[in-house]
Amino acid sequence: MIIQTIGALFATIALAIILGVPKKFTLLVGLVGSIGWWVYLAMGEGEEHIAFRTFIAALIVALVSHSFARILKAPVTVFLISGILPLVPGTGMYRTVYHFIAGNGAMVSYYFSQTLQLAGVIALAIFIMDSIFRILQQKVPIKKKKKGM
């Protein structure tokens, strides 16, 4: 679990560098990705409840991304786009295409539907956390300093 979390850290940092994230944020972006992957792994292994694990981990990634963005006064996408990388269902997409080429229709539909579910719960988690932060931002207005004080 530790090795996978460290791998997620480096993979997320690598994507951040490729995407051109400012250097002062690259380590924090890596931290976002590794936290999300650690939460995913800490919730168990195996195929059962994979959508729920992905949803909770994506919620945490979005929460940490929004928190870093508010604290560091940066756009949330700086942290979120790279930080969500470890949770993206790349294996499911690969297996879908593999079984499509192999002609195994039952496995194609299984992996395709699982991939769509995982992509959907990731998008839903990001949307929920973004909505929560927007509501909180409206409830607690930021006080601006008056001139001359």
C-alpha atoms as a PDB file:
ATOM      1  CA  MET A   1       0.000   0.000   0.000  1.00  0.00           C
ATOM      2  CA  ILE A   2       2.863   2.393   0.818  1.00  0.00           C
ATOM      3  CA  ILE A   3       4.637   1.646  -2.459  1.00  0.00           C
ATOM      4  CA  GLN A   4       1.446   2.217  -4.459  1.00  0.00           C
ATOM      5  CA  THR A   5       0.840   5.509  -2.650  1.00  0.00           C
ATOM      6  CA  ILE A   6       4.381   6.658  -3.426  1.00  0.00           C
ATOM      7  CA  GLY A   7       3.858   5.570  -7.032  1.00  0.00           C
ATOM      8  CA  ALA A   8       0.679   7.637  -7.176  1.00  0.00           C
ATOM      9  CA  LEU A   9       2.630  10.608  -5.808  1.00  0.00           C
ATOM     10  CA  PHE A  10       5.247  10.369  -8.562  1.00  0.00           C
ATOM     11  CA  ALA A  11       2.691   9.691 -11.309  1.00  0.00           C
ATOM     12  CA  THR A  12       0.661  12.704 -10.260  1.00  0.00           C
ATOM     13  CA  ILE A  13       3.746  14.919 -10.106  1.00  0.00           C
ATOM     14  CA  ALA A  14       4.773  13.709 -13.574  1.00  0.00           C
ATOM     15  CA  LEU A  15       1.367  14.585 -15.010  1.00  0.00           C
ATOM     16  CA  ALA A  16       1.481  17.972 -13.285  1.00  0.00           C
ATOM     17  CA  ILE A  17       4.829  18.692 -14.939  1.00  0.00           C
ATOM     18  CA  ILE A  18       3.489  17.592 -18.337  1.00  0.00           C
ATOM     19  CA  LEU A  19       0.413  19.807 -17.900  1.00  0.00           C
ATOM     20  CA  GLY A  20       2.566  22.793 -16.930  1.00  0.00           C
ATOM     21  CA  VAL A  21       1.456  23.223 -13.329  1.00  0.00           C
ATOM     22  CA  PRO A  22       3.558  25.943 -11.648  1.00  0.00           C
ATOM     23  CA  LYS A  23       6.598  24.430  -9.928  1.00  0.00           C
ATOM     24  CA  LYS A  24       5.597  25.771  -6.523  1.00  0.00           C
ATOM     25  CA  PHE A  25       2.467  23.567  -6.628  1.00  0.00           C
ATOM     26  CA  THR A  26       3.864  20.301  -8.053  1.00  0.00           C
ATOM     27  CA  LEU A  27       4.588  18.631  -4.725  1.00  0.00           C
ATOM     28  CA  LEU A  28       1.149  19.583  -3.386  1.00  0.00           C
ATOM     29  CA  VAL A  29      -0.493  18.251  -6.548  1.00  0.00           C
ATOM     30  CA  GLY A  30       1.374  14.993  -5.988  1.00  0.00           C
ATOM     31  CA  LEU A  31       0.153  14.968  -2.411  1.00  0.00           C
ATOM     32  CA  VAL A  32      -3.449  15.345  -3.599  1.00  0.00           C
ATOM     33  CA  GLY A  33      -3.109  12.340  -5.904  1.00  0.00           C
ATOM     34  CA  SER A  34      -1.391  10.195  -3.304  1.00  0.00           C
ATOM     35  CA  ILE A  35      -3.991  11.033  -0.638  1.00  0.00           C
ATOM     36  CA  GLY A  36      -6.775  10.032  -3.018  1.00  0.00           C
ATOM     37  CA  TRP A  37      -5.081   6.770  -3.917  1.00  0.00           C
ATOM     38  CA  TRP A  38      -4.328   5.990  -0.265  1.00  0.00           C
ATOM     39  CA  VAL A  39      -8.011   6.488   0.628  1.00  0.00           C
ATOM     40  CA  TYR A  40      -8.994   4.214  -2.256  1.00  0.00           C
ATOM     41  CA  LEU A  41      -6.605   1.482  -1.111  1.00  0.00           C
ATOM     42  CA  ALA A  42      -7.459   1.879   2.583  1.00  0.00           C
ATOM     43  CA  MET A  43     -11.102   1.075   1.868  1.00  0.00           C
ATOM     44  CA  GLY A  44     -10.261  -2.476   0.782  1.00  0.00           C
ATOM     45  CA  GLU A  45      -9.265  -4.506  -2.219  1.00  0.00           C
ATOM     46  CA  GLY A  46     -11.111  -6.532  -4.810  1.00  0.00           C
ATOM     47  CA  GLU A  47     -13.861  -5.882  -7.316  1.00  0.00           C
ATOM     48  CA  GLU A  48     -16.699  -5.492  -4.811  1.00  0.00           C
ATOM     49  CA  HIS A  49     -17.680  -1.954  -3.876  1.00  0.00           C
ATOM     50  CA  ILE A  50     -15.192  -0.500  -6.360  1.00  0.00           C
ATOM     51  CA  ALA A  51     -17.580   2.307  -7.356  1.00  0.00           C
ATOM     52  CA  PHE A  52     -18.143   3.296  -3.718  1.00  0.00           C
ATOM     53  CA  ARG A  53     -14.388   3.314  -3.002  1.00  0.00           C
ATOM     54  CA  THR A  54     -13.765   5.425  -6.090  1.00  0.00           C
ATOM     55  CA  PHE A  55     -16.547   7.834  -5.105  1.00  0.00           C
ATOM     56  CA  ILE A  56     -15.191   8.382  -1.581  1.00  0.00           C
ATOM     57  CA  ALA A  57     -11.610   8.763  -2.835  1.00  0.00           C
ATOM     58  CA  ALA A  58     -12.730  11.267  -5.495  1.00  0.00           C
ATOM     59  CA  LEU A  59     -14.639  13.223  -2.841  1.00  0.00           C
ATOM     60  CA  ILE A  60     -11.447  13.420  -0.765  1.00  0.00           C
ATOM     61  CA  VAL A  61      -9.389  14.479  -3.800  1.00  0.00           C
ATOM     62  CA  ALA A  62     -11.903  17.227  -4.579  1.00  0.00           C
ATOM     63  CA  LEU A  63     -12.006  18.340  -0.934  1.00  0.00           C
ATOM     64  CA  VAL A  64      -8.220  18.558  -0.648  1.00  0.00           C
ATOM     65  CA  SER A  65      -7.984  20.273  -4.050  1.00  0.00           C
ATOM     66  CA  HIS A  66     -10.536  22.906  -3.084  1.00  0.00           C
ATOM     67  CA  SER A  67      -8.844  23.412   0.287  1.00  0.00           C
ATOM     68  CA  PHE A  68      -5.396  23.891  -1.270  1.00  0.00           C
ATOM     69  CA  ALA A  69      -6.869  26.223  -3.887  1.00  0.00           C
ATOM     70  CA  ARG A  70      -8.468  28.424  -1.201  1.00  0.00           C
ATOM     71  CA  ILE A  71      -5.397  28.425   1.046  1.00  0.00           C
ATOM     72  CA  LEU A  72      -2.904  29.107  -1.754  1.00  0.00           C
ATOM     73  CA  LYS A  73      -5.201  31.358  -3.803  1.00  0.00           C
ATOM     74  CA  ALA A  74      -4.848  29.246  -6.933  1.00  0.00           C
ATOM     75  CA  PRO A  75      -7.374  27.767  -9.354  1.00  0.00           C
ATOM     76  CA  VAL A  76      -8.833  24.489  -8.125  1.00  0.00           C
ATOM     77  CA  THR A  77      -8.153  22.839 -11.483  1.00  0.00           C
ATOM     78  CA  VAL A  78      -4.409  23.100 -10.808  1.00  0.00           C
ATOM     79  CA  PHE A  79      -4.808  20.494  -8.069  1.00  0.00           C
ATOM     80  CA  LEU A  80      -7.867  18.609  -9.263  1.00  0.00           C
ATOM     81  CA  ILE A  81      -6.959  17.659 -12.834  1.00  0.00           C
ATOM     82  CA  SER A  82      -3.651  16.032 -11.939  1.00  0.00           C
ATOM     83  CA  GLY A  83      -4.799  14.834  -8.521  1.00  0.00           C
ATOM     84  CA  ILE A  84      -7.630  12.746  -9.923  1.00  0.00           C
ATOM     85  CA  LEU A  85      -5.266  10.785 -12.221  1.00  0.00           C
ATOM     86  CA  PRO A  86      -4.781   7.706  -9.988  1.00  0.00           C
ATOM     87  CA  LEU A  87      -8.544   7.164  -9.826  1.00  0.00           C
ATOM     88  CA  VAL A  88      -9.214   7.333 -13.574  1.00  0.00           C
ATOM     89  CA  PRO A  89     -10.379   3.885 -14.749  1.00  0.00           C
ATOM     90  CA  GLY A  90      -7.653   3.283 -17.311  1.00  0.00           C
ATOM     91  CA  THR A  91      -7.520  -0.448 -16.656  1.00  0.00           C
ATOM     92  CA  GLY A  92     -11.228  -0.765 -17.373  1.00  0.00           C
ATOM     93  CA  MET A  93     -10.822   1.078 -20.670  1.00  0.00           C
ATOM     94  CA  TYR A  94      -7.908  -1.168 -21.614  1.00  0.00           C
ATOM     95  CA  ARG A  95      -9.827  -4.340 -20.735  1.00  0.00           C
ATOM     96  CA  THR A  96     -12.849  -3.146 -22.689  1.00  0.00           C
ATOM     97  CA  VAL A  97     -10.797  -2.677 -25.851  1.00  0.00           C
ATOM     98  CA  TYR A  98      -8.854  -5.909 -25.281  1.00  0.00           C
ATOM     99  CA  HIS A  99     -11.992  -8.015 -24.987  1.00  0.00           C
ATOM    100  CA  PHE A 100     -13.558  -6.156 -27.919  1.00  0.00           C
ATOM    101  CA  ILE A 101     -10.604  -7.131 -30.101  1.00  0.00           C
ATOM    102  CA  ALA A 102     -10.705 -10.686 -28.720  1.00  0.00           C
ATOM    103  CA  GLY A 103     -14.397 -10.923 -29.602  1.00  0.00           C
ATOM    104  CA  ASN A 104     -15.627 -11.577 -26.053  1.00  0.00           C
ATOM    105  CA  GLY A 105     -18.860  -9.577 -26.017  1.00  0.00           C
ATOM    106  CA  ALA A 106     -19.894 -10.421 -22.454  1.00  0.00           C
ATOM    107  CA  MET A 107     -16.630  -9.126 -21.001  1.00  0.00           C
ATOM    108  CA  VAL A 108     -16.778  -6.042 -23.227  1.00  0.00           C
ATOM    109  CA  SER A 109     -20.148  -5.053 -21.808  1.00  0.00           C
ATOM    110  CA  TYR A 110     -19.028  -5.834 -18.237  1.00  0.00           C
ATOM    111  CA  TYR A 111     -15.855  -3.729 -18.368  1.00  0.00           C
ATOM    112  CA  PHE A 112     -17.504  -0.975 -20.404  1.00  0.00           C
ATOM    113  CA  SER A 113     -20.326  -0.568 -17.897  1.00  0.00           C
ATOM    114  CA  GLN A 114     -17.859  -0.678 -14.979  1.00  0.00           C
ATOM    115  CA  THR A 115     -15.687   1.984 -16.640  1.00  0.00           C
ATOM    116  CA  LEU A 116     -18.716   4.212 -17.218  1.00  0.00           C
ATOM    117  CA  GLN A 117     -19.784   3.757 -13.586  1.00  0.00           C
ATOM    118  CA  LEU A 118     -16.355   4.722 -12.288  1.00  0.00           C
ATOM    119  CA  ALA A 119     -16.116   7.744 -14.576  1.00  0.00           C
ATOM    120  CA  GLY A 120     -19.613   8.740 -13.494  1.00  0.00           C
ATOM    121  CA  VAL A 121     -18.915   8.512  -9.758  1.00  0.00           C
ATOM    122  CA  ILE A 122     -15.710  10.523 -10.192  1.00  0.00           C
ATOM    123  CA  ALA A 123     -17.635  13.261 -12.000  1.00  0.00           C
ATOM    124  CA  LEU A 124     -20.413  13.119  -9.408  1.00  0.00           C
ATOM    125  CA  ALA A 125     -17.958  13.424  -6.508  1.00  0.00           C
ATOM    126  CA  ILE A 126     -16.273  16.442  -8.102  1.00  0.00           C
ATOM    127  CA  PHE A 127     -19.661  18.052  -8.759  1.00  0.00           C
ATOM    128  CA  ILE A 128     -20.861  17.458  -5.180  1.00  0.00           C
ATOM    129  CA  MET A 129     -17.720  18.895  -3.598  1.00  0.00           C
ATOM    130  CA  ASP A 130     -17.728  21.872  -5.960  1.00  0.00           C
ATOM    131  CA  SER A 131     -21.372  22.553  -5.059  1.00  0.00           C
ATOM    132  CA  ILE A 132     -20.602  22.360  -1.345  1.00  0.00           C
ATOM    133  CA  PHE A 133     -17.774  24.868  -1.678  1.00  0.00           C
ATOM    134  CA  ARG A 134     -19.951  27.209  -3.773  1.00  0.00           C
ATOM    135  CA  ILE A 135     -22.697  27.111  -1.131  1.00  0.00           C
ATOM    136  CA  LEU A 136     -20.188  27.745   1.646  1.00  0.00           C
ATOM    137  CA  GLN A 137     -18.686  30.620  -0.309  1.00  0.00           C
ATOM    138  CA  GLN A 138     -22.117  32.253  -0.592  1.00  0.00           C
ATOM    139  CA  LYS A 139     -22.856  31.741   3.117  1.00  0.00           C
ATOM    140  CA  VAL A 140     -19.514  33.112   4.341  1.00  0.00           C
ATOM    141  CA  PRO A 141     -18.640  36.171   2.248  1.00  0.00           C
ATOM    142  CA  ILE A 142     -15.010  37.197   2.095  1.00  0.00           C
ATOM    143  CA  LYS A 143     -14.479  40.485   3.887  1.00  0.00           C
ATOM    144  CA  LYS A 144     -12.576  43.071   1.890  1.00  0.00           C
ATOM    145  CA  LYS A 145     -10.369  45.613   3.573  1.00  0.00           C
ATOM    146  CA  LYS A 146     -11.489  49.204   3.286  1.00  0.00           C
ATOM    147  CA  LYS A 147      -9.124  51.774   1.855  1.00  0.00           C
ATOM    148  CA  GLY A 148      -7.353  53.917   4.357  1.00  0.00           C
ATOM    149  CA  MET A 149      -7.333  51.368   7.164  1.00  0.00           C
END
